[in-house]
Amino acid sequence: MEKATFETLLQLLQPHLPTRTVSLEKKVLSHLWFLGNKESFRSVADRFNLSKGTLHATFFEVCEALKLVRPQIIYWPNRNEQARIVEGFLNRTGFPGVVGCIDGSYIPIPGPSEHRADYICRKGFPCIQLQAVCDHQLRFMDILTGWPGSVHDARVFRNSPLKQVLENGRLEEEFHLLGDSAYSLTTYMMVPFRDNGHLSEEEANFNGRHSSTRVVIERAFGLLKSKFRRLFYLDMQLVDKVPLVISSACCLHNFILVNEKIDVEGEFQNEENVDDPLPIPEDAPQAVNNAAQLKRRRLANLLA
């Protein structure tokens, strides 16, 4: 984070952070250092000349402050902003009508002793889910975190406030999100054609263009984790605090993107496999309305 960005962040957080015993600068700087590195609480506390208990307290004070300002940093775009995002995606990949790309990411944790199996993801380790939507510049427009790792992406989405927002007509008819095959096809969510080995040339082309556009969300996760390396393994026993920490990192991710020039085309370390969509669970709703099918077919024809 550049010095000017840090000063702007201090101004934003100052009204929400007490500074009786630890300065505002030290609170925020130690918070950033802890998220950006894999050092232990003890090591970071020593680095900033704080006791372990004080660092723990101030770290979560900053998390709570970021939670308060989150609506200013992560928010759903208005109609004018949606139009600019659609234009941005169109200029980058040629895919029309894209307001954002959605996916889930695993944030590894030690795993609680109780109900541990609920947190084991399909890759075999305990984690917390992060669902996010990003724009063409890797900025998060919506995040949801807290679901245990065993829960399928489709179920997380079905139970998210975002689904209600989309179903209540917050997108123009010609606009949509792009999601992988873990999600259901709707007029507001375009997913690939199911590859049964007999895709037409038009369908295969649609899937390829869809994938090359949707990869932006994987890049956003990669940038998030490359800046805040703690998210590669969030070594916390207090599972109820994990979503607060993840949310803080997402807020800081957006704040940096808005205030600094970041090479969004750069290579970012990420353990996700872009071409490894989740298998569809048997209990997932598979009904697809005709309007969604027709919309996808029209898009495939446009992209042919």
C-alpha atoms as a PDB file:
ATOM      1  CA  MET A   1       0.000   0.000   0.000  1.00  0.00           C
ATOM      2  CA  GLU A   2       1.362   3.409  -0.984  1.00  0.00           C
ATOM      3  CA  LYS A   3       1.857   6.104   1.656  1.00  0.00           C
ATOM      4  CA  ALA A   4      -0.863   8.354   0.203  1.00  0.00           C
ATOM      5  CA  THR A   5      -3.326   5.447   0.217  1.00  0.00           C
ATOM      6  CA  PHE A   6      -2.413   4.672   3.829  1.00  0.00           C
ATOM      7  CA  GLU A   7      -3.057   8.292   4.851  1.00  0.00           C
ATOM      8  CA  THR A   8      -6.447   8.217   3.117  1.00  0.00           C
ATOM      9  CA  LEU A   9      -7.289   4.973   4.919  1.00  0.00           C
ATOM     10  CA  LEU A  10      -6.398   6.553   8.267  1.00  0.00           C
ATOM     11  CA  GLN A  11      -8.771   9.433   7.556  1.00  0.00           C
ATOM     12  CA  LEU A  12     -11.560   6.998   6.720  1.00  0.00           C
ATOM     13  CA  LEU A  13     -11.092   4.855   9.838  1.00  0.00           C
ATOM     14  CA  GLN A  14     -10.191   7.550  12.380  1.00  0.00           C
ATOM     15  CA  PRO A  15     -13.792   8.310  13.481  1.00  0.00           C
ATOM     16  CA  HIS A  16     -14.315   4.622  14.290  1.00  0.00           C
ATOM     17  CA  LEU A  17     -11.090   3.799  16.160  1.00  0.00           C
ATOM     18  CA  PRO A  18     -10.228   4.800  19.754  1.00  0.00           C
ATOM     19  CA  THR A  19      -6.585   5.814  20.212  1.00  0.00           C
ATOM     20  CA  ARG A  20      -6.211   6.082  23.978  1.00  0.00           C
ATOM     21  CA  THR A  21      -3.340   3.602  24.343  1.00  0.00           C
ATOM     22  CA  VAL A  22      -2.243   2.707  20.803  1.00  0.00           C
ATOM     23  CA  SER A  23      -1.907   5.263  18.015  1.00  0.00           C
ATOM     24  CA  LEU A  24      -4.166   5.135  14.987  1.00  0.00           C
ATOM     25  CA  GLU A  25      -1.164   4.655  12.713  1.00  0.00           C
ATOM     26  CA  LYS A  26       0.170   1.692  14.686  1.00  0.00           C
ATOM     27  CA  LYS A  27      -3.246   0.024  14.857  1.00  0.00           C
ATOM     28  CA  VAL A  28      -3.810   0.200  11.122  1.00  0.00           C
ATOM     29  CA  LEU A  29      -0.217  -0.572  10.134  1.00  0.00           C
ATOM     30  CA  SER A  30      -0.029  -3.653  12.379  1.00  0.00           C
ATOM     31  CA  HIS A  31      -3.385  -4.777  10.972  1.00  0.00           C
ATOM     32  CA  LEU A  32      -2.095  -4.485   7.411  1.00  0.00           C
ATOM     33  CA  TRP A  33       1.148  -6.248   8.306  1.00  0.00           C
ATOM     34  CA  PHE A  34      -0.670  -9.147   9.962  1.00  0.00           C
ATOM     35  CA  LEU A  35      -2.979  -9.664   6.970  1.00  0.00           C
ATOM     36  CA  GLY A  36      -0.174  -9.265   4.448  1.00  0.00           C
ATOM     37  CA  ASN A  37       2.215 -11.772   6.029  1.00  0.00           C
ATOM     38  CA  LYS A  38       2.198 -15.211   7.610  1.00  0.00           C
ATOM     39  CA  GLU A  39       3.940 -14.241  10.846  1.00  0.00           C
ATOM     40  CA  SER A  40       2.458 -15.376  14.156  1.00  0.00           C
ATOM     41  CA  PHE A  41       0.551 -12.987  16.424  1.00  0.00           C
ATOM     42  CA  ARG A  42       3.552 -13.088  18.774  1.00  0.00           C
ATOM     43  CA  SER A  43       6.006 -12.141  16.025  1.00  0.00           C
ATOM     44  CA  VAL A  44       3.855  -9.270  14.743  1.00  0.00           C
ATOM     45  CA  ALA A  45       3.299  -8.032  18.303  1.00  0.00           C
ATOM     46  CA  ASP A  46       7.063  -7.955  18.872  1.00  0.00           C
ATOM     47  CA  ARG A  47       7.608  -6.157  15.566  1.00  0.00           C
ATOM     48  CA  PHE A  48       5.264  -3.336  16.632  1.00  0.00           C
ATOM     49  CA  ASN A  49       6.300  -3.326  20.296  1.00  0.00           C
ATOM     50  CA  LEU A  50       2.868  -4.480  21.462  1.00  0.00           C
ATOM     51  CA  SER A  51       1.793  -7.254  23.774  1.00  0.00           C
ATOM     52  CA  LYS A  52       0.116 -10.214  22.099  1.00  0.00           C
ATOM     53  CA  GLY A  53      -3.147  -9.373  23.854  1.00  0.00           C
ATOM     54  CA  THR A  54      -3.023  -5.735  22.744  1.00  0.00           C
ATOM     55  CA  LEU A  55      -2.345  -6.685  19.131  1.00  0.00           C
ATOM     56  CA  HIS A  56      -5.238  -9.146  19.224  1.00  0.00           C
ATOM     57  CA  ALA A  57      -7.566  -6.450  20.558  1.00  0.00           C
ATOM     58  CA  THR A  58      -6.459  -3.726  18.147  1.00  0.00           C
ATOM     59  CA  PHE A  59      -6.552  -6.096  15.167  1.00  0.00           C
ATOM     60  CA  PHE A  60     -10.235  -6.785  15.716  1.00  0.00           C
ATOM     61  CA  GLU A  61     -10.920  -3.106  16.440  1.00  0.00           C
ATOM     62  CA  VAL A  62      -9.708  -2.346  12.921  1.00  0.00           C
ATOM     63  CA  CYS A  63     -11.800  -5.241  11.568  1.00  0.00           C
ATOM     64  CA  GLU A  64     -14.886  -3.729  13.211  1.00  0.00           C
ATOM     65  CA  ALA A  65     -14.029  -0.264  11.873  1.00  0.00           C
ATOM     66  CA  LEU A  66     -13.704  -1.655   8.345  1.00  0.00           C
ATOM     67  CA  LYS A  67     -17.051  -3.386   8.801  1.00  0.00           C
ATOM     68  CA  LEU A  68     -18.632   0.006   9.553  1.00  0.00           C
ATOM     69  CA  VAL A  69     -17.218   1.627   6.399  1.00  0.00           C
ATOM     70  CA  ARG A  70     -17.724  -1.429   4.188  1.00  0.00           C
ATOM     71  CA  PRO A  71     -20.887   0.002   2.516  1.00  0.00           C
ATOM     72  CA  GLN A  72     -18.705   2.834   1.181  1.00  0.00           C
ATOM     73  CA  ILE A  73     -16.160   0.402  -0.249  1.00  0.00           C
ATOM     74  CA  ILE A  74     -18.060  -2.708  -1.381  1.00  0.00           C
ATOM     75  CA  TYR A  75     -21.425  -1.909  -2.911  1.00  0.00           C
ATOM     76  CA  TRP A  76     -23.749  -2.905  -5.725  1.00  0.00           C
ATOM     77  CA  PRO A  77     -23.368  -0.526  -8.699  1.00  0.00           C
ATOM     78  CA  ASN A  78     -26.182   1.796  -9.712  1.00  0.00           C
ATOM     79  CA  ARG A  79     -27.558   1.719 -13.254  1.00  0.00           C
ATOM     80  CA  ASN A  80     -25.023   4.199 -14.641  1.00  0.00           C
ATOM     81  CA  GLU A  81     -22.164   2.277 -13.035  1.00  0.00           C
ATOM     82  CA  GLN A  82     -23.563  -0.996 -14.376  1.00  0.00           C
ATOM     83  CA  ALA A  83     -23.526   0.448 -17.884  1.00  0.00           C
ATOM     84  CA  ARG A  84     -19.853   1.424 -17.489  1.00  0.00           C
ATOM     85  CA  ILE A  85     -18.974  -2.062 -16.239  1.00  0.00           C
ATOM     86  CA  VAL A  86     -20.815  -3.667 -19.164  1.00  0.00           C
ATOM     87  CA  GLU A  87     -18.823  -1.461 -21.536  1.00  0.00           C
ATOM     88  CA  GLY A  88     -15.605  -2.427 -19.749  1.00  0.00           C
ATOM     89  CA  PHE A  89     -16.231  -6.160 -20.145  1.00  0.00           C
ATOM     90  CA  LEU A  90     -17.315  -5.678 -23.759  1.00  0.00           C
ATOM     91  CA  ASN A  91     -14.101  -3.814 -24.580  1.00  0.00           C
ATOM     92  CA  ARG A  92     -11.934  -6.437 -22.859  1.00  0.00           C
ATOM     93  CA  THR A  93     -13.456  -9.700 -24.071  1.00  0.00           C
ATOM     94  CA  GLY A  94     -16.318  -8.874 -26.418  1.00  0.00           C
ATOM     95  CA  PHE A  95     -18.932 -10.557 -24.213  1.00  0.00           C
ATOM     96  CA  PRO A  96     -22.063  -8.364 -24.091  1.00  0.00           C
ATOM     97  CA  GLY A  97     -24.185  -7.450 -21.069  1.00  0.00           C
ATOM     98  CA  VAL A  98     -21.803  -8.561 -18.305  1.00  0.00           C
ATOM     99  CA  VAL A  99     -22.270  -6.643 -15.038  1.00  0.00           C
ATOM    100  CA  GLY A 100     -20.025  -8.947 -13.017  1.00  0.00           C
ATOM    101  CA  CYS A 101     -18.586 -12.424 -12.561  1.00  0.00           C
ATOM    102  CA  ILE A 102     -19.378 -14.627  -9.566  1.00  0.00           C
ATOM    103  CA  ASP A 103     -17.587 -17.522  -7.913  1.00  0.00           C
ATOM    104  CA  GLY A 104     -16.624 -18.966  -4.561  1.00  0.00           C
ATOM    105  CA  SER A 105     -13.195 -19.297  -2.980  1.00  0.00           C
ATOM    106  CA  TYR A 106     -11.950 -21.426  -0.095  1.00  0.00           C
ATOM    107  CA  ILE A 107     -10.230 -19.736   2.854  1.00  0.00           C
ATOM    108  CA  PRO A 108      -8.385 -22.539   4.726  1.00  0.00           C
ATOM    109  CA  ILE A 109      -8.657 -22.626   8.532  1.00  0.00           C
ATOM    110  CA  PRO A 110      -7.524 -25.097  11.231  1.00  0.00           C
ATOM    111  CA  GLY A 111     -11.120 -26.254  11.615  1.00  0.00           C
ATOM    112  CA  PRO A 112     -13.166 -26.396  14.801  1.00  0.00           C
ATOM    113  CA  SER A 113     -13.243 -29.472  17.022  1.00  0.00           C
ATOM    114  CA  GLU A 114     -17.058 -29.506  16.878  1.00  0.00           C
ATOM    115  CA  HIS A 115     -18.824 -30.195  13.571  1.00  0.00           C
ATOM    116  CA  ARG A 116     -15.432 -30.353  11.867  1.00  0.00           C
ATOM    117  CA  ALA A 117     -16.798 -32.400   8.965  1.00  0.00           C
ATOM    118  CA  ASP A 118     -19.052 -29.478   7.994  1.00  0.00           C
ATOM    119  CA  TYR A 119     -15.962 -27.402   7.226  1.00  0.00           C
ATOM    120  CA  ILE A 120     -14.152 -29.947   5.041  1.00  0.00           C
ATOM    121  CA  CYS A 121     -14.329 -28.847   1.411  1.00  0.00           C
ATOM    122  CA  ARG A 122     -14.198 -31.126  -1.625  1.00  0.00           C
ATOM    123  CA  LYS A 123     -10.417 -30.643  -1.730  1.00  0.00           C
ATOM    124  CA  GLY A 124     -10.111 -32.264   1.674  1.00  0.00           C
ATOM    125  CA  PHE A 125      -9.253 -29.426   4.068  1.00  0.00           C
ATOM    126  CA  PRO A 126     -11.315 -27.310   6.507  1.00  0.00           C
ATOM    127  CA  CYS A 127     -12.228 -23.865   5.257  1.00  0.00           C
ATOM    128  CA  ILE A 128     -14.716 -21.017   5.156  1.00  0.00           C
ATOM    129  CA  GLN A 129     -16.420 -20.053   1.896  1.00  0.00           C
ATOM    130  CA  LEU A 130     -16.082 -16.627   0.296  1.00  0.00           C
ATOM    131  CA  GLN A 131     -18.645 -15.837  -2.411  1.00  0.00           C
ATOM    132  CA  ALA A 132     -17.844 -12.735  -4.434  1.00  0.00           C
ATOM    133  CA  VAL A 133     -18.884 -10.809  -7.524  1.00  0.00           C
ATOM    134  CA  CYS A 134     -16.311  -8.589  -9.219  1.00  0.00           C
ATOM    135  CA  ASP A 135     -16.259  -6.153 -12.111  1.00  0.00           C
ATOM    136  CA  HIS A 136     -13.841  -5.966 -15.053  1.00  0.00           C
ATOM    137  CA  GLN A 137     -11.294  -4.117 -12.887  1.00  0.00           C
ATOM    138  CA  LEU A 138     -11.250  -6.857 -10.195  1.00  0.00           C
ATOM    139  CA  ARG A 139     -13.224  -4.714  -7.736  1.00  0.00           C
ATOM    140  CA  PHE A 140     -15.604  -6.636  -5.496  1.00  0.00           C
ATOM    141  CA  MET A 141     -19.217  -5.488  -5.892  1.00  0.00           C
ATOM    142  CA  ASP A 142     -20.678  -7.993  -3.452  1.00  0.00           C
ATOM    143  CA  ILE A 143     -19.232 -10.473  -0.967  1.00  0.00           C
ATOM    144  CA  LEU A 144     -20.680 -13.087   1.362  1.00  0.00           C
ATOM    145  CA  THR A 145     -18.573 -15.153   3.727  1.00  0.00           C
ATOM    146  CA  GLY A 146     -19.139 -17.470   6.661  1.00  0.00           C
ATOM    147  CA  TRP A 147     -20.551 -20.636   5.132  1.00  0.00           C
ATOM    148  CA  PRO A 148     -18.547 -23.778   6.000  1.00  0.00           C
ATOM    149  CA  GLY A 149     -16.483 -25.416   3.283  1.00  0.00           C
ATOM    150  CA  SER A 150     -18.700 -28.445   2.698  1.00  0.00           C
ATOM    151  CA  VAL A 151     -21.554 -26.280   1.383  1.00  0.00           C
ATOM    152  CA  HIS A 152     -21.913 -26.154  -2.405  1.00  0.00           C
ATOM    153  CA  ASP A 153     -21.533 -22.815  -4.208  1.00  0.00           C
ATOM    154  CA  ALA A 154     -25.075 -23.080  -5.555  1.00  0.00           C
ATOM    155  CA  ARG A 155     -26.534 -23.410  -2.058  1.00  0.00           C
ATOM    156  CA  VAL A 156     -24.514 -20.447  -0.785  1.00  0.00           C
ATOM    157  CA  PHE A 157     -25.899 -18.348  -3.640  1.00  0.00           C
ATOM    158  CA  ARG A 158     -29.479 -19.546  -3.169  1.00  0.00           C
ATOM    159  CA  ASN A 159     -29.352 -18.387   0.448  1.00  0.00           C
ATOM    160  CA  SER A 160     -27.580 -15.087  -0.214  1.00  0.00           C
ATOM    161  CA  PRO A 161     -29.035 -11.566  -0.109  1.00  0.00           C
ATOM    162  CA  LEU A 162     -27.563 -11.110  -3.593  1.00  0.00           C
ATOM    163  CA  LYS A 163     -30.016 -13.618  -5.054  1.00  0.00           C
ATOM    164  CA  GLN A 164     -32.917 -11.600  -3.676  1.00  0.00           C
ATOM    165  CA  VAL A 165     -31.421  -8.402  -5.099  1.00  0.00           C
ATOM    166  CA  LEU A 166     -31.160  -9.965  -8.550  1.00  0.00           C
ATOM    167  CA  GLU A 167     -34.628 -11.492  -8.452  1.00  0.00           C
ATOM    168  CA  ASN A 168     -36.082  -8.121  -7.504  1.00  0.00           C
ATOM    169  CA  GLY A 169     -35.032  -6.652 -10.825  1.00  0.00           C
ATOM    170  CA  ARG A 170     -31.829  -4.823  -9.908  1.00  0.00           C
ATOM    171  CA  LEU A 171     -30.396  -5.589 -13.361  1.00  0.00           C
ATOM    172  CA  GLU A 172     -31.519  -4.366 -16.754  1.00  0.00           C
ATOM    173  CA  GLU A 173     -33.099  -7.136 -18.826  1.00  0.00           C
ATOM    174  CA  GLU A 174     -30.095  -7.327 -21.153  1.00  0.00           C
ATOM    175  CA  PHE A 175     -27.566  -7.434 -18.285  1.00  0.00           C
ATOM    176  CA  HIS A 176     -26.375 -10.490 -16.353  1.00  0.00           C
ATOM    177  CA  LEU A 177     -23.690 -12.077 -14.210  1.00  0.00           C
ATOM    178  CA  LEU A 178     -21.426 -14.852 -15.467  1.00  0.00           C
ATOM    179  CA  GLY A 179     -21.115 -17.944 -13.285  1.00  0.00           C
ATOM    180  CA  ASP A 180     -19.677 -21.411 -13.829  1.00  0.00           C
ATOM    181  CA  SER A 181     -21.703 -24.601 -14.154  1.00  0.00           C
ATOM    182  CA  ALA A 182     -22.169 -24.819 -10.384  1.00  0.00           C
ATOM    183  CA  TYR A 183     -24.899 -22.189 -10.719  1.00  0.00           C
ATOM    184  CA  SER A 184     -28.340 -22.439 -12.295  1.00  0.00           C
ATOM    185  CA  LEU A 185     -29.112 -20.691 -15.572  1.00  0.00           C
ATOM    186  CA  THR A 186     -31.441 -17.706 -15.100  1.00  0.00           C
ATOM    187  CA  THR A 187     -32.030 -14.497 -17.015  1.00  0.00           C
ATOM    188  CA  TYR A 188     -29.658 -12.737 -14.590  1.00  0.00           C
ATOM    189  CA  MET A 189     -27.043 -15.546 -14.477  1.00  0.00           C
ATOM    190  CA  MET A 190     -25.484 -16.873 -17.655  1.00  0.00           C
ATOM    191  CA  VAL A 191     -23.693 -20.208 -17.249  1.00  0.00           C
ATOM    192  CA  PRO A 192     -21.943 -22.410 -19.849  1.00  0.00           C
ATOM    193  CA  PHE A 193     -23.786 -24.938 -21.980  1.00  0.00           C
ATOM    194  CA  ARG A 194     -23.543 -28.362 -20.359  1.00  0.00           C
ATOM    195  CA  ASP A 195     -20.810 -30.243 -22.219  1.00  0.00           C
ATOM    196  CA  ASN A 196     -22.225 -33.667 -22.982  1.00  0.00           C
ATOM    197  CA  GLY A 197     -19.662 -34.323 -25.679  1.00  0.00           C
ATOM    198  CA  HIS A 198     -21.952 -33.078 -28.429  1.00  0.00           C
ATOM    199  CA  LEU A 199     -21.705 -29.297 -28.214  1.00  0.00           C
ATOM    200  CA  SER A 200     -22.352 -27.410 -31.423  1.00  0.00           C
ATOM    201  CA  GLU A 201     -19.667 -25.059 -32.721  1.00  0.00           C
ATOM    202  CA  GLU A 202     -21.777 -22.111 -31.562  1.00  0.00           C
ATOM    203  CA  GLU A 203     -22.164 -23.572 -28.055  1.00  0.00           C
ATOM    204  CA  ALA A 204     -18.468 -24.415 -27.752  1.00  0.00           C
ATOM    205  CA  ASN A 205     -17.563 -20.887 -28.852  1.00  0.00           C
ATOM    206  CA  PHE A 206     -19.966 -19.434 -26.274  1.00  0.00           C
ATOM    207  CA  ASN A 207     -18.392 -21.548 -23.537  1.00  0.00           C
ATOM    208  CA  GLY A 208     -14.899 -20.431 -24.519  1.00  0.00           C
ATOM    209  CA  ARG A 209     -15.818 -16.740 -24.540  1.00  0.00           C
ATOM    210  CA  HIS A 210     -17.716 -17.196 -21.284  1.00  0.00           C
ATOM    211  CA  SER A 211     -14.672 -18.791 -19.632  1.00  0.00           C
ATOM    212  CA  SER A 212     -12.221 -16.150 -20.869  1.00  0.00           C
ATOM    213  CA  THR A 213     -14.494 -13.434 -19.471  1.00  0.00           C
ATOM    214  CA  ARG A 214     -15.395 -15.124 -16.196  1.00  0.00           C
ATOM    215  CA  VAL A 215     -11.745 -15.751 -15.321  1.00  0.00           C
ATOM    216  CA  VAL A 216     -11.674 -12.186 -13.988  1.00  0.00           C
ATOM    217  CA  ILE A 217     -13.171 -13.382 -10.677  1.00  0.00           C
ATOM    218  CA  GLU A 218     -10.364 -15.918 -10.281  1.00  0.00           C
ATOM    219  CA  ARG A 219      -7.901 -13.113 -10.911  1.00  0.00           C
ATOM    220  CA  ALA A 220      -9.635 -11.003  -8.263  1.00  0.00           C
ATOM    221  CA  PHE A 221      -9.273 -13.829  -5.730  1.00  0.00           C
ATOM    222  CA  GLY A 222      -5.647 -14.214  -6.778  1.00  0.00           C
ATOM    223  CA  LEU A 223      -4.926 -10.514  -6.261  1.00  0.00           C
ATOM    224  CA  LEU A 224      -6.732 -10.558  -2.904  1.00  0.00           C
ATOM    225  CA  LYS A 225      -4.620 -13.446  -1.629  1.00  0.00           C
ATOM    226  CA  SER A 226      -1.362 -12.192  -3.082  1.00  0.00           C
ATOM    227  CA  LYS A 227      -1.771  -8.935  -1.141  1.00  0.00           C
ATOM    228  CA  PHE A 228      -3.218 -10.501   2.010  1.00  0.00           C
ATOM    229  CA  ARG A 229      -1.281 -13.741   2.275  1.00  0.00           C
ATOM    230  CA  ARG A 230      -2.864 -14.603   5.601  1.00  0.00           C
ATOM    231  CA  LEU A 231      -5.862 -15.792   3.572  1.00  0.00           C
ATOM    232  CA  PHE A 232      -3.849 -18.706   2.183  1.00  0.00           C
ATOM    233  CA  TYR A 233      -4.224 -20.171   5.679  1.00  0.00           C
ATOM    234  CA  LEU A 234      -6.166 -18.242   8.317  1.00  0.00           C
ATOM    235  CA  ASP A 235      -4.782 -19.819  11.481  1.00  0.00           C
ATOM    236  CA  MET A 236      -7.609 -18.853  13.835  1.00  0.00           C
ATOM    237  CA  GLN A 237      -9.400 -20.981  16.406  1.00  0.00           C
ATOM    238  CA  LEU A 238     -12.299 -18.517  16.769  1.00  0.00           C
ATOM    239  CA  VAL A 239     -14.312 -19.599  13.732  1.00  0.00           C
ATOM    240  CA  ASP A 240     -16.971 -16.964  14.379  1.00  0.00           C
ATOM    241  CA  LYS A 241     -14.332 -14.250  13.834  1.00  0.00           C
ATOM    242  CA  VAL A 242     -13.069 -15.620  10.514  1.00  0.00           C
ATOM    243  CA  PRO A 243     -15.752 -13.940   8.332  1.00  0.00           C
ATOM    244  CA  LEU A 244     -14.901 -10.573   9.897  1.00  0.00           C
ATOM    245  CA  VAL A 245     -11.236 -10.990   8.940  1.00  0.00           C
ATOM    246  CA  ILE A 246     -12.058 -12.103   5.388  1.00  0.00           C
ATOM    247  CA  SER A 247     -14.422  -9.159   4.969  1.00  0.00           C
ATOM    248  CA  SER A 248     -11.696  -6.780   6.184  1.00  0.00           C
ATOM    249  CA  ALA A 249      -9.276  -8.073   3.561  1.00  0.00           C
ATOM    250  CA  CYS A 250     -11.914  -7.674   0.830  1.00  0.00           C
ATOM    251  CA  CYS A 251     -12.553  -4.073   1.912  1.00  0.00           C
ATOM    252  CA  LEU A 252      -8.840  -3.304   1.810  1.00  0.00           C
ATOM    253  CA  HIS A 253      -8.568  -4.999  -1.604  1.00  0.00           C
ATOM    254  CA  ASN A 254     -11.176  -2.610  -3.025  1.00  0.00           C
ATOM    255  CA  PHE A 255      -9.731   0.396  -1.220  1.00  0.00           C
ATOM    256  CA  ILE A 256      -6.321  -0.201  -2.781  1.00  0.00           C
ATOM    257  CA  LEU A 257      -7.777  -0.743  -6.267  1.00  0.00           C
ATOM    258  CA  VAL A 258      -9.681   2.547  -6.062  1.00  0.00           C
ATOM    259  CA  ASN A 259      -6.747   4.560  -4.725  1.00  0.00           C
ATOM    260  CA  GLU A 260      -3.784   3.047  -6.580  1.00  0.00           C
ATOM    261  CA  LYS A 261      -2.883   2.010 -10.107  1.00  0.00           C
ATOM    262  CA  ILE A 262      -2.776  -1.782 -10.066  1.00  0.00           C
ATOM    263  CA  ASP A 263      -1.787  -3.910 -13.057  1.00  0.00           C
ATOM    264  CA  VAL A 264      -4.970  -5.972 -13.243  1.00  0.00           C
ATOM    265  CA  GLU A 265      -3.388  -8.018 -16.029  1.00  0.00           C
ATOM    266  CA  GLY A 266      -0.579  -9.194 -13.728  1.00  0.00           C
ATOM    267  CA  GLU A 267      -0.093 -12.765 -12.569  1.00  0.00           C
ATOM    268  CA  PHE A 268      -1.394 -13.435  -9.066  1.00  0.00           C
ATOM    269  CA  GLN A 269      -0.745 -16.504  -6.941  1.00  0.00           C
ATOM    270  CA  ASN A 270      -3.927 -18.448  -6.356  1.00  0.00           C
ATOM    271  CA  GLU A 271      -4.621 -22.046  -5.472  1.00  0.00           C
ATOM    272  CA  GLU A 272      -7.927 -22.056  -7.330  1.00  0.00           C
ATOM    273  CA  ASN A 273      -8.304 -24.119 -10.488  1.00  0.00           C
ATOM    274  CA  VAL A 274     -10.198 -22.072 -13.049  1.00  0.00           C
ATOM    275  CA  ASP A 275     -11.150 -25.147 -15.065  1.00  0.00           C
ATOM    276  CA  ASP A 276     -12.334 -27.177 -12.085  1.00  0.00           C
ATOM    277  CA  PRO A 277     -16.000 -26.295 -11.556  1.00  0.00           C
ATOM    278  CA  LEU A 278     -17.876 -27.900  -8.710  1.00  0.00           C
ATOM    279  CA  PRO A 279     -19.945 -30.982  -9.490  1.00  0.00           C
ATOM    280  CA  ILE A 280     -23.659 -30.300  -9.366  1.00  0.00           C
ATOM    281  CA  PRO A 281     -25.243 -31.862  -6.257  1.00  0.00           C
ATOM    282  CA  GLU A 282     -28.184 -34.141  -6.873  1.00  0.00           C
ATOM    283  CA  ASP A 283     -30.530 -31.957  -4.813  1.00  0.00           C
ATOM    284  CA  ALA A 284     -29.702 -28.761  -6.745  1.00  0.00           C
ATOM    285  CA  PRO A 285     -32.674 -27.266  -8.593  1.00  0.00           C
ATOM    286  CA  GLN A 286     -32.241 -27.911 -12.312  1.00  0.00           C
ATOM    287  CA  ALA A 287     -35.337 -26.227 -13.706  1.00  0.00           C
ATOM    288  CA  VAL A 288     -34.398 -23.652 -16.325  1.00  0.00           C
ATOM    289  CA  ASN A 289     -36.948 -21.159 -17.562  1.00  0.00           C
ATOM    290  CA  ASN A 290     -37.433 -20.661 -21.260  1.00  0.00           C
ATOM    291  CA  ALA A 291     -36.538 -16.965 -21.074  1.00  0.00           C
ATOM    292  CA  ALA A 292     -33.078 -17.808 -19.721  1.00  0.00           C
ATOM    293  CA  GLN A 293     -32.503 -20.453 -22.396  1.00  0.00           C
ATOM    294  CA  LEU A 294     -33.546 -18.056 -25.137  1.00  0.00           C
ATOM    295  CA  LYS A 295     -31.328 -15.302 -23.760  1.00  0.00           C
ATOM    296  CA  ARG A 296     -28.295 -17.596 -23.693  1.00  0.00           C
ATOM    297  CA  ARG A 297     -29.037 -18.789 -27.215  1.00  0.00           C
ATOM    298  CA  ARG A 298     -29.255 -15.185 -28.460  1.00  0.00           C
ATOM    299  CA  LEU A 299     -25.906 -14.399 -26.828  1.00  0.00           C
ATOM    300  CA  ALA A 300     -24.331 -17.492 -28.372  1.00  0.00           C
ATOM    301  CA  ASN A 301     -25.569 -16.359 -31.770  1.00  0.00           C
ATOM    302  CA  LEU A 302     -24.164 -12.851 -31.228  1.00  0.00           C
ATOM    303  CA  LEU A 303     -20.771 -14.270 -30.255  1.00  0.00           C
ATOM    304  CA  ALA A 304     -20.600 -16.719 -33.165  1.00  0.00           C
END
